[in-house]
Amino acid sequence: MTAAINTKPPIGMLRFTPRPIDVESIPIGAVVRTPLGQLARVTGYRGRRRQHREYLVLRYLTPRNRAFAVVLLLPELVEVVDG
């Protein structure tokens, strides 16, 4: 019987700031780096019902597949690359 060992490398460095960031500080059309290290473009902002936070609507520049081409992320979790 063999032991299962997790040999997968870490996907990316999760970089974030502990304080909330205003979503309007990141303009629409800016290119950002996601926590997984992929590049995405900001296409809009979206608020959630029952939560008092606003999220960035991001579209990956090179998506892995069409089902996951758009993602909602908190502005603290992204790093602005160009914008």
PDB file of N, CA and C in Angstrom:
ATOM      1  N   MET A   1       0.839  -1.164   0.000  1.00  0.00           N
ATOM      2  CA  MET A   1       0.000   0.000   0.000  1.00  0.00           C
ATOM      3  C   MET A   1       0.893   1.237   0.000  1.00  0.00           C
ATOM      4  N   THR A   2       0.590   2.175  -0.891  1.00  0.00           N
ATOM      5  CA  THR A   2       1.409   3.378  -0.995  1.00  0.00           C
ATOM      6  C   THR A   2       0.699   4.549  -0.326  1.00  0.00           C
ATOM      7  N   ALA A   3       1.469   5.415   0.215  1.00  0.00           N
ATOM      8  CA  ALA A   3       0.916   6.610   0.857  1.00  0.00           C
ATOM      9  C   ALA A   3       0.712   7.691  -0.193  1.00  0.00           C
ATOM     10  N   ALA A   4      -0.386   8.375  -0.094  1.00  0.00           N
ATOM     11  CA  ALA A   4      -0.672   9.472  -1.019  1.00  0.00           C
ATOM     12  C   ALA A   4       0.050  10.721  -0.538  1.00  0.00           C
ATOM     13  N   ILE A   5       0.902  11.246  -1.400  1.00  0.00           N
ATOM     14  CA  ILE A   5       1.668  12.439  -1.066  1.00  0.00           C
ATOM     15  C   ILE A   5       1.288  13.524  -2.057  1.00  0.00           C
ATOM     16  N   ASN A   6       1.014  14.708  -1.546  1.00  0.00           N
ATOM     17  CA  ASN A   6       0.677  15.827  -2.409  1.00  0.00           C
ATOM     18  C   ASN A   6       1.959  16.356  -3.042  1.00  0.00           C
ATOM     19  N   THR A   7       2.130  16.084  -4.340  1.00  0.00           N
ATOM     20  CA  THR A   7       3.351  16.500  -5.032  1.00  0.00           C
ATOM     21  C   THR A   7       3.105  17.674  -5.964  1.00  0.00           C
ATOM     22  N   LYS A   8       1.914  18.252  -5.934  1.00  0.00           N
ATOM     23  CA  LYS A   8       1.633  19.381  -6.818  1.00  0.00           C
ATOM     24  C   LYS A   8       2.372  20.625  -6.320  1.00  0.00           C
ATOM     25  N   PRO A   9       2.951  21.393  -7.243  1.00  0.00           N
ATOM     26  CA  PRO A   9       3.601  22.644  -6.818  1.00  0.00           C
ATOM     27  C   PRO A   9       2.537  23.678  -6.459  1.00  0.00           C
ATOM     28  N   PRO A  10       2.880  24.675  -5.649  1.00  0.00           N
ATOM     29  CA  PRO A  10       1.903  25.709  -5.327  1.00  0.00           C
ATOM     30  C   PRO A  10       1.502  26.477  -6.583  1.00  0.00           C
ATOM     31  N   ILE A  11       0.221  26.832  -6.690  1.00  0.00           N
ATOM     32  CA  ILE A  11      -0.291  27.474  -7.896  1.00  0.00           C
ATOM     33  C   ILE A  11       0.228  28.900  -8.024  1.00  0.00           C
ATOM     34  N   GLY A  12       0.238  29.649  -6.964  1.00  0.00           N
ATOM     35  CA  GLY A  12       0.694  31.038  -7.037  1.00  0.00           C
ATOM     36  C   GLY A  12       0.817  31.626  -5.651  1.00  0.00           C
ATOM     37  N   MET A  13       1.437  32.746  -5.579  1.00  0.00           N
ATOM     38  CA  MET A  13       1.570  33.436  -4.307  1.00  0.00           C
ATOM     39  C   MET A  13       0.324  34.281  -4.095  1.00  0.00           C
ATOM     40  N   LEU A  14      -0.377  34.060  -3.002  1.00  0.00           N
ATOM     41  CA  LEU A  14      -1.554  34.862  -2.700  1.00  0.00           C
ATOM     42  C   LEU A  14      -1.102  36.163  -2.058  1.00  0.00           C
ATOM     43  N   ARG A  15      -1.219  37.241  -2.804  1.00  0.00           N
ATOM     44  CA  ARG A  15      -0.814  38.550  -2.322  1.00  0.00           C
ATOM     45  C   ARG A  15      -2.067  39.376  -2.103  1.00  0.00           C
ATOM     46  N   PHE A  16      -2.229  39.934  -0.939  1.00  0.00           N
ATOM     47  CA  PHE A  16      -3.361  40.799  -0.692  1.00  0.00           C
ATOM     48  C   PHE A  16      -3.023  41.765   0.422  1.00  0.00           C
ATOM     49  N   THR A  17      -3.792  42.844   0.475  1.00  0.00           N
ATOM     50  CA  THR A  17      -3.635  43.812   1.559  1.00  0.00           C
ATOM     51  C   THR A  17      -4.731  43.553   2.572  1.00  0.00           C
ATOM     52  N   PRO A  18      -4.444  43.668   3.852  1.00  0.00           N
ATOM     53  CA  PRO A  18      -5.448  43.330   4.865  1.00  0.00           C
ATOM     54  C   PRO A  18      -6.581  44.344   4.984  1.00  0.00           C
ATOM     55  N   ARG A  19      -6.420  45.545   4.433  1.00  0.00           N
ATOM     56  CA  ARG A  19      -7.464  46.545   4.557  1.00  0.00           C
ATOM     57  C   ARG A  19      -8.309  46.596   3.277  1.00  0.00           C
ATOM     58  N   PRO A  20      -9.584  46.942   3.402  1.00  0.00           N
ATOM     59  CA  PRO A  20     -10.435  47.043   2.206  1.00  0.00           C
ATOM     60  C   PRO A  20      -9.968  48.169   1.284  1.00  0.00           C
ATOM     61  N   ILE A  21     -10.074  47.936   0.000  1.00  0.00           N
ATOM     62  CA  ILE A  21      -9.714  48.923  -1.019  1.00  0.00           C
ATOM     63  C   ILE A  21     -10.988  49.301  -1.760  1.00  0.00           C
ATOM     64  N   ASP A  22     -11.138  50.573  -2.082  1.00  0.00           N
ATOM     65  CA  ASP A  22     -12.288  51.031  -2.843  1.00  0.00           C
ATOM     66  C   ASP A  22     -12.158  50.554  -4.286  1.00  0.00           C
ATOM     67  N   VAL A  23     -13.234  50.018  -4.858  1.00  0.00           N
ATOM     68  CA  VAL A  23     -13.141  49.461  -6.211  1.00  0.00           C
ATOM     69  C   VAL A  23     -12.906  50.544  -7.252  1.00  0.00           C
ATOM     70  N   GLU A  24     -13.352  51.777  -6.977  1.00  0.00           N
ATOM     71  CA  GLU A  24     -13.151  52.842  -7.955  1.00  0.00           C
ATOM     72  C   GLU A  24     -11.681  53.255  -8.079  1.00  0.00           C
ATOM     73  N   SER A  25     -10.828  52.806  -7.159  1.00  0.00           N
ATOM     74  CA  SER A  25      -9.398  53.112  -7.271  1.00  0.00           C
ATOM     75  C   SER A  25      -8.738  52.307  -8.392  1.00  0.00           C
ATOM     76  N   ILE A  26      -9.389  51.242  -8.837  1.00  0.00           N
ATOM     77  CA  ILE A  26      -8.898  50.445  -9.967  1.00  0.00           C
ATOM     78  C   ILE A  26      -9.812  50.746 -11.148  1.00  0.00           C
ATOM     79  N   PRO A  27      -9.341  51.444 -12.181  1.00  0.00           N
ATOM     80  CA  PRO A  27     -10.227  51.862 -13.271  1.00  0.00           C
ATOM     81  C   PRO A  27     -10.655  50.696 -14.156  1.00  0.00           C
ATOM     82  N   ILE A  28     -11.807  50.878 -14.801  1.00  0.00           N
ATOM     83  CA  ILE A  28     -12.277  49.883 -15.767  1.00  0.00           C
ATOM     84  C   ILE A  28     -11.330  49.902 -16.960  1.00  0.00           C
ATOM     85  N   GLY A  29     -10.913  48.741 -17.400  1.00  0.00           N
ATOM     86  CA  GLY A  29      -9.961  48.610 -18.493  1.00  0.00           C
ATOM     87  C   GLY A  29      -8.544  48.350 -18.032  1.00  0.00           C
ATOM     88  N   ALA A  30      -8.304  48.419 -16.728  1.00  0.00           N
ATOM     89  CA  ALA A  30      -6.965  48.162 -16.202  1.00  0.00           C
ATOM     90  C   ALA A  30      -6.647  46.673 -16.270  1.00  0.00           C
ATOM     91  N   VAL A  31      -5.380  46.367 -16.454  1.00  0.00           N
ATOM     92  CA  VAL A  31      -4.918  44.971 -16.451  1.00  0.00           C
ATOM     93  C   VAL A  31      -4.382  44.679 -15.056  1.00  0.00           C
ATOM     94  N   VAL A  32      -4.874  43.587 -14.455  1.00  0.00           N
ATOM     95  CA  VAL A  32      -4.478  43.219 -13.101  1.00  0.00           C
ATOM     96  C   VAL A  32      -3.980  41.779 -13.086  1.00  0.00           C
ATOM     97  N   ARG A  33      -3.228  41.447 -12.030  1.00  0.00           N
ATOM     98  CA  ARG A  33      -2.763  40.076 -11.822  1.00  0.00           C
ATOM     99  C   ARG A  33      -3.607  39.470 -10.707  1.00  0.00           C
ATOM    100  N   THR A  34      -4.194  38.312 -10.966  1.00  0.00           N
ATOM    101  CA  THR A  34      -5.054  37.635 -10.004  1.00  0.00           C
ATOM    102  C   THR A  34      -4.204  36.872  -8.991  1.00  0.00           C
ATOM    103  N   PRO A  35      -4.809  36.366  -7.909  1.00  0.00           N
ATOM    104  CA  PRO A  35      -4.021  35.594  -6.932  1.00  0.00           C
ATOM    105  C   PRO A  35      -3.356  34.353  -7.516  1.00  0.00           C
ATOM    106  N   LEU A  36      -3.895  33.820  -8.606  1.00  0.00           N
ATOM    107  CA  LEU A  36      -3.279  32.648  -9.237  1.00  0.00           C
ATOM    108  C   LEU A  36      -2.164  33.014 -10.203  1.00  0.00           C
ATOM    109  N   GLY A  37      -1.936  34.320 -10.398  1.00  0.00           N
ATOM    110  CA  GLY A  37      -0.850  34.749 -11.267  1.00  0.00           C
ATOM    111  C   GLY A  37      -1.261  35.024 -12.695  1.00  0.00           C
ATOM    112  N   GLN A  38      -2.531  34.870 -13.041  1.00  0.00           N
ATOM    113  CA  GLN A  38      -2.979  35.123 -14.399  1.00  0.00           C
ATOM    114  C   GLN A  38      -3.329  36.590 -14.581  1.00  0.00           C
ATOM    115  N   LEU A  39      -3.235  37.073 -15.821  1.00  0.00           N
ATOM    116  CA  LEU A  39      -3.583  38.449 -16.126  1.00  0.00           C
ATOM    117  C   LEU A  39      -5.044  38.536 -16.531  1.00  0.00           C
ATOM    118  N   ALA A  40      -5.702  39.597 -16.072  1.00  0.00           N
ATOM    119  CA  ALA A  40      -7.113  39.801 -16.382  1.00  0.00           C
ATOM    120  C   ALA A  40      -7.369  41.287 -16.566  1.00  0.00           C
ATOM    121  N   ARG A  41      -8.433  41.615 -17.293  1.00  0.00           N
ATOM    122  CA  ARG A  41      -8.829  42.998 -17.522  1.00  0.00           C
ATOM    123  C   ARG A  41     -10.097  43.290 -16.734  1.00  0.00           C
ATOM    124  N   VAL A  42     -10.146  44.443 -16.083  1.00  0.00           N
ATOM    125  CA  VAL A  42     -11.323  44.850 -15.310  1.00  0.00           C
ATOM    126  C   VAL A  42     -12.399  45.305 -16.296  1.00  0.00           C
ATOM    127  N   THR A  43     -13.570  44.668 -16.238  1.00  0.00           N
ATOM    128  CA  THR A  43     -14.664  45.034 -17.141  1.00  0.00           C
ATOM    129  C   THR A  43     -15.797  45.746 -16.416  1.00  0.00           C
ATOM    130  N   GLY A  44     -15.808  45.729 -15.095  1.00  0.00           N
ATOM    131  CA  GLY A  44     -16.859  46.436 -14.365  1.00  0.00           C
ATOM    132  C   GLY A  44     -16.780  46.171 -12.882  1.00  0.00           C
ATOM    133  N   TYR A  45     -17.783  46.687 -12.173  1.00  0.00           N
ATOM    134  CA  TYR A  45     -17.895  46.508 -10.729  1.00  0.00           C
ATOM    135  C   TYR A  45     -19.252  45.895 -10.438  1.00  0.00           C
ATOM    136  N   ARG A  46     -19.328  45.140  -9.347  1.00  0.00           N
ATOM    137  CA  ARG A  46     -20.596  44.524  -8.984  1.00  0.00           C
ATOM    138  C   ARG A  46     -20.708  44.418  -7.468  1.00  0.00           C
ATOM    139  N   GLY A  47     -21.853  44.797  -6.949  1.00  0.00           N
ATOM    140  CA  GLY A  47     -22.126  44.640  -5.532  1.00  0.00           C
ATOM    141  C   GLY A  47     -22.926  43.378  -5.301  1.00  0.00           C
ATOM    142  N   ARG A  48     -22.810  42.809  -4.127  1.00  0.00           N
ATOM    143  CA  ARG A  48     -23.534  41.588  -3.782  1.00  0.00           C
ATOM    144  C   ARG A  48     -24.671  41.902  -2.837  1.00  0.00           C
ATOM    145  N   ARG A  49     -25.776  41.249  -3.009  1.00  0.00           N
ATOM    146  CA  ARG A  49     -26.892  41.396  -2.092  1.00  0.00           C
ATOM    147  C   ARG A  49     -26.517  40.774  -0.744  1.00  0.00           C
ATOM    148  N   ARG A  50     -26.927  41.397   0.325  1.00  0.00           N
ATOM    149  CA  ARG A  50     -26.660  40.970   1.696  1.00  0.00           C
ATOM    150  C   ARG A  50     -25.213  41.151   2.128  1.00  0.00           C
ATOM    151  N   GLN A  51     -24.392  41.668   1.267  1.00  0.00           N
ATOM    152  CA  GLN A  51     -23.020  41.974   1.647  1.00  0.00           C
ATOM    153  C   GLN A  51     -22.763  43.429   1.313  1.00  0.00           C
ATOM    154  N   HIS A  52     -21.917  44.070   2.067  1.00  0.00           N
ATOM    155  CA  HIS A  52     -21.649  45.479   1.847  1.00  0.00           C
ATOM    156  C   HIS A  52     -20.323  45.675   1.135  1.00  0.00           C
ATOM    157  N   ARG A  53     -19.969  44.736   0.288  1.00  0.00           N
ATOM    158  CA  ARG A  53     -18.708  44.792  -0.451  1.00  0.00           C
ATOM    159  C   ARG A  53     -19.013  44.881  -1.935  1.00  0.00           C
ATOM    160  N   GLU A  54     -18.105  45.506  -2.665  1.00  0.00           N
ATOM    161  CA  GLU A  54     -18.191  45.514  -4.116  1.00  0.00           C
ATOM    162  C   GLU A  54     -17.041  44.689  -4.672  1.00  0.00           C
ATOM    163  N   TYR A  55     -17.322  44.003  -5.757  1.00  0.00           N
ATOM    164  CA  TYR A  55     -16.346  43.113  -6.379  1.00  0.00           C
ATOM    165  C   TYR A  55     -15.952  43.649  -7.745  1.00  0.00           C
ATOM    166  N   LEU A  56     -14.762  43.283  -8.197  1.00  0.00           N
ATOM    167  CA  LEU A  56     -14.320  43.585  -9.549  1.00  0.00           C
ATOM    168  C   LEU A  56     -14.786  42.471 -10.470  1.00  0.00           C
ATOM    169  N   VAL A  57     -15.307  42.836 -11.630  1.00  0.00           N
ATOM    170  CA  VAL A  57     -15.646  41.849 -12.658  1.00  0.00           C
ATOM    171  C   VAL A  57     -14.455  41.795 -13.595  1.00  0.00           C
ATOM    172  N   LEU A  58     -13.799  40.635 -13.643  1.00  0.00           N
ATOM    173  CA  LEU A  58     -12.566  40.477 -14.419  1.00  0.00           C
ATOM    174  C   LEU A  58     -12.773  39.468 -15.537  1.00  0.00           C
ATOM    175  N   ARG A  59     -12.157  39.745 -16.677  1.00  0.00           N
ATOM    176  CA  ARG A  59     -12.123  38.791 -17.794  1.00  0.00           C
ATOM    177  C   ARG A  59     -10.669  38.433 -18.047  1.00  0.00           C
ATOM    178  N   TYR A  60     -10.367  37.143 -17.962  1.00  0.00           N
ATOM    179  CA  TYR A  60      -8.994  36.686 -18.170  1.00  0.00           C
ATOM    180  C   TYR A  60      -8.532  36.988 -19.595  1.00  0.00           C
ATOM    181  N   LEU A  61      -7.280  37.378 -19.733  1.00  0.00           N
ATOM    182  CA  LEU A  61      -6.721  37.632 -21.056  1.00  0.00           C
ATOM    183  C   LEU A  61      -6.435  36.330 -21.788  1.00  0.00           C
ATOM    184  N   THR A  62      -6.021  35.303 -21.053  1.00  0.00           N
ATOM    185  CA  THR A  62      -5.791  33.977 -21.639  1.00  0.00           C
ATOM    186  C   THR A  62      -6.531  32.955 -20.771  1.00  0.00           C
ATOM    187  N   PRO A  63      -7.844  32.772 -20.992  1.00  0.00           N
ATOM    188  CA  PRO A  63      -8.599  31.849 -20.141  1.00  0.00           C
ATOM    189  C   PRO A  63      -8.240  30.399 -20.437  1.00  0.00           C
ATOM    190  N   ARG A  64      -8.366  29.574 -19.410  1.00  0.00           N
ATOM    191  CA  ARG A  64      -8.096  28.142 -19.583  1.00  0.00           C
ATOM    192  C   ARG A  64      -9.223  27.477 -20.361  1.00  0.00           C
ATOM    193  N   ASN A  65     -10.460  27.907 -20.123  1.00  0.00           N
ATOM    194  CA  ASN A  65     -11.593  27.460 -20.921  1.00  0.00           C
ATOM    195  C   ASN A  65     -12.667  28.535 -20.854  1.00  0.00           C
ATOM    196  N   ARG A  66     -13.698  28.426 -21.687  1.00  0.00           N
ATOM    197  CA  ARG A  66     -14.693  29.485 -21.789  1.00  0.00           C
ATOM    198  C   ARG A  66     -15.579  29.584 -20.556  1.00  0.00           C
ATOM    199  N   ALA A  67     -15.721  28.508 -19.821  1.00  0.00           N
ATOM    200  CA  ALA A  67     -16.598  28.522 -18.653  1.00  0.00           C
ATOM    201  C   ALA A  67     -16.034  29.391 -17.536  1.00  0.00           C
ATOM    202  N   PHE A  68     -14.729  29.531 -17.461  1.00  0.00           N
ATOM    203  CA  PHE A  68     -14.097  30.293 -16.396  1.00  0.00           C
ATOM    204  C   PHE A  68     -13.385  31.529 -16.935  1.00  0.00           C
ATOM    205  N   ALA A  69     -13.932  32.158 -17.974  1.00  0.00           N
ATOM    206  CA  ALA A  69     -13.299  33.326 -18.568  1.00  0.00           C
ATOM    207  C   ALA A  69     -13.564  34.584 -17.752  1.00  0.00           C
ATOM    208  N   VAL A  70     -14.667  34.617 -16.981  1.00  0.00           N
ATOM    209  CA  VAL A  70     -15.040  35.784 -16.186  1.00  0.00           C
ATOM    210  C   VAL A  70     -15.067  35.384 -14.718  1.00  0.00           C
ATOM    211  N   VAL A  71     -14.566  36.274 -13.851  1.00  0.00           N
ATOM    212  CA  VAL A  71     -14.499  35.976 -12.429  1.00  0.00           C
ATOM    213  C   VAL A  71     -14.792  37.253 -11.643  1.00  0.00           C
ATOM    214  N   LEU A  72     -15.357  37.101 -10.438  1.00  0.00           N
ATOM    215  CA  LEU A  72     -15.569  38.206  -9.506  1.00  0.00           C
ATOM    216  C   LEU A  72     -14.539  38.081  -8.394  1.00  0.00           C
ATOM    217  N   LEU A  73     -13.783  39.150  -8.159  1.00  0.00           N
ATOM    218  CA  LEU A  73     -12.757  39.128  -7.117  1.00  0.00           C
ATOM    219  C   LEU A  73     -12.824  40.409  -6.298  1.00  0.00           C
ATOM    220  N   LEU A  74     -12.420  40.297  -5.050  1.00  0.00           N
ATOM    221  CA  LEU A  74     -12.290  41.475  -4.206  1.00  0.00           C
ATOM    222  C   LEU A  74     -11.090  42.295  -4.670  1.00  0.00           C
ATOM    223  N   PRO A  75     -11.166  43.623  -4.570  1.00  0.00           N
ATOM    224  CA  PRO A  75     -10.029  44.434  -5.028  1.00  0.00           C
ATOM    225  C   PRO A  75      -8.758  44.238  -4.204  1.00  0.00           C
ATOM    226  N   GLU A  76      -8.868  43.719  -2.980  1.00  0.00           N
ATOM    227  CA  GLU A  76      -7.677  43.466  -2.174  1.00  0.00           C
ATOM    228  C   GLU A  76      -6.848  42.315  -2.712  1.00  0.00           C
ATOM    229  N   LEU A  77      -7.451  41.453  -3.512  1.00  0.00           N
ATOM    230  CA  LEU A  77      -6.773  40.243  -3.981  1.00  0.00           C
ATOM    231  C   LEU A  77      -6.047  40.414  -5.296  1.00  0.00           C
ATOM    232  N   VAL A  78      -6.137  41.591  -5.927  1.00  0.00           N
ATOM    233  CA  VAL A  78      -5.500  41.778  -7.230  1.00  0.00           C
ATOM    234  C   VAL A  78      -4.365  42.791  -7.106  1.00  0.00           C
ATOM    235  N   GLU A  79      -3.468  42.726  -8.059  1.00  0.00           N
ATOM    236  CA  GLU A  79      -2.336  43.641  -8.152  1.00  0.00           C
ATOM    237  C   GLU A  79      -2.404  44.319  -9.520  1.00  0.00           C
ATOM    238  N   VAL A  80      -2.455  45.637  -9.553  1.00  0.00           N
ATOM    239  CA  VAL A  80      -2.583  46.379 -10.807  1.00  0.00           C
ATOM    240  C   VAL A  80      -1.259  46.315 -11.561  1.00  0.00           C
ATOM    241  N   VAL A  81      -1.336  45.854 -12.819  1.00  0.00           N
ATOM    242  CA  VAL A  81      -0.150  45.739 -13.651  1.00  0.00           C
ATOM    243  C   VAL A  81      -0.077  46.915 -14.615  1.00  0.00           C
ATOM    244  N   ASP A  82      -1.196  47.227 -15.298  1.00  0.00           N
ATOM    245  CA  ASP A  82      -1.245  48.322 -16.264  1.00  0.00           C
ATOM    246  C   ASP A  82      -2.601  48.975 -16.163  1.00  0.00           C
ATOM    247  N   GLY A  83      -2.625  50.251 -15.918  1.00  0.00           N
ATOM    248  CA  GLY A  83      -3.931  50.897 -15.848  1.00  0.00           C
ATOM    249  C   GLY A  83      -3.846  52.225 -15.271  1.00  0.00           C
TER     250      GLY A  83
END
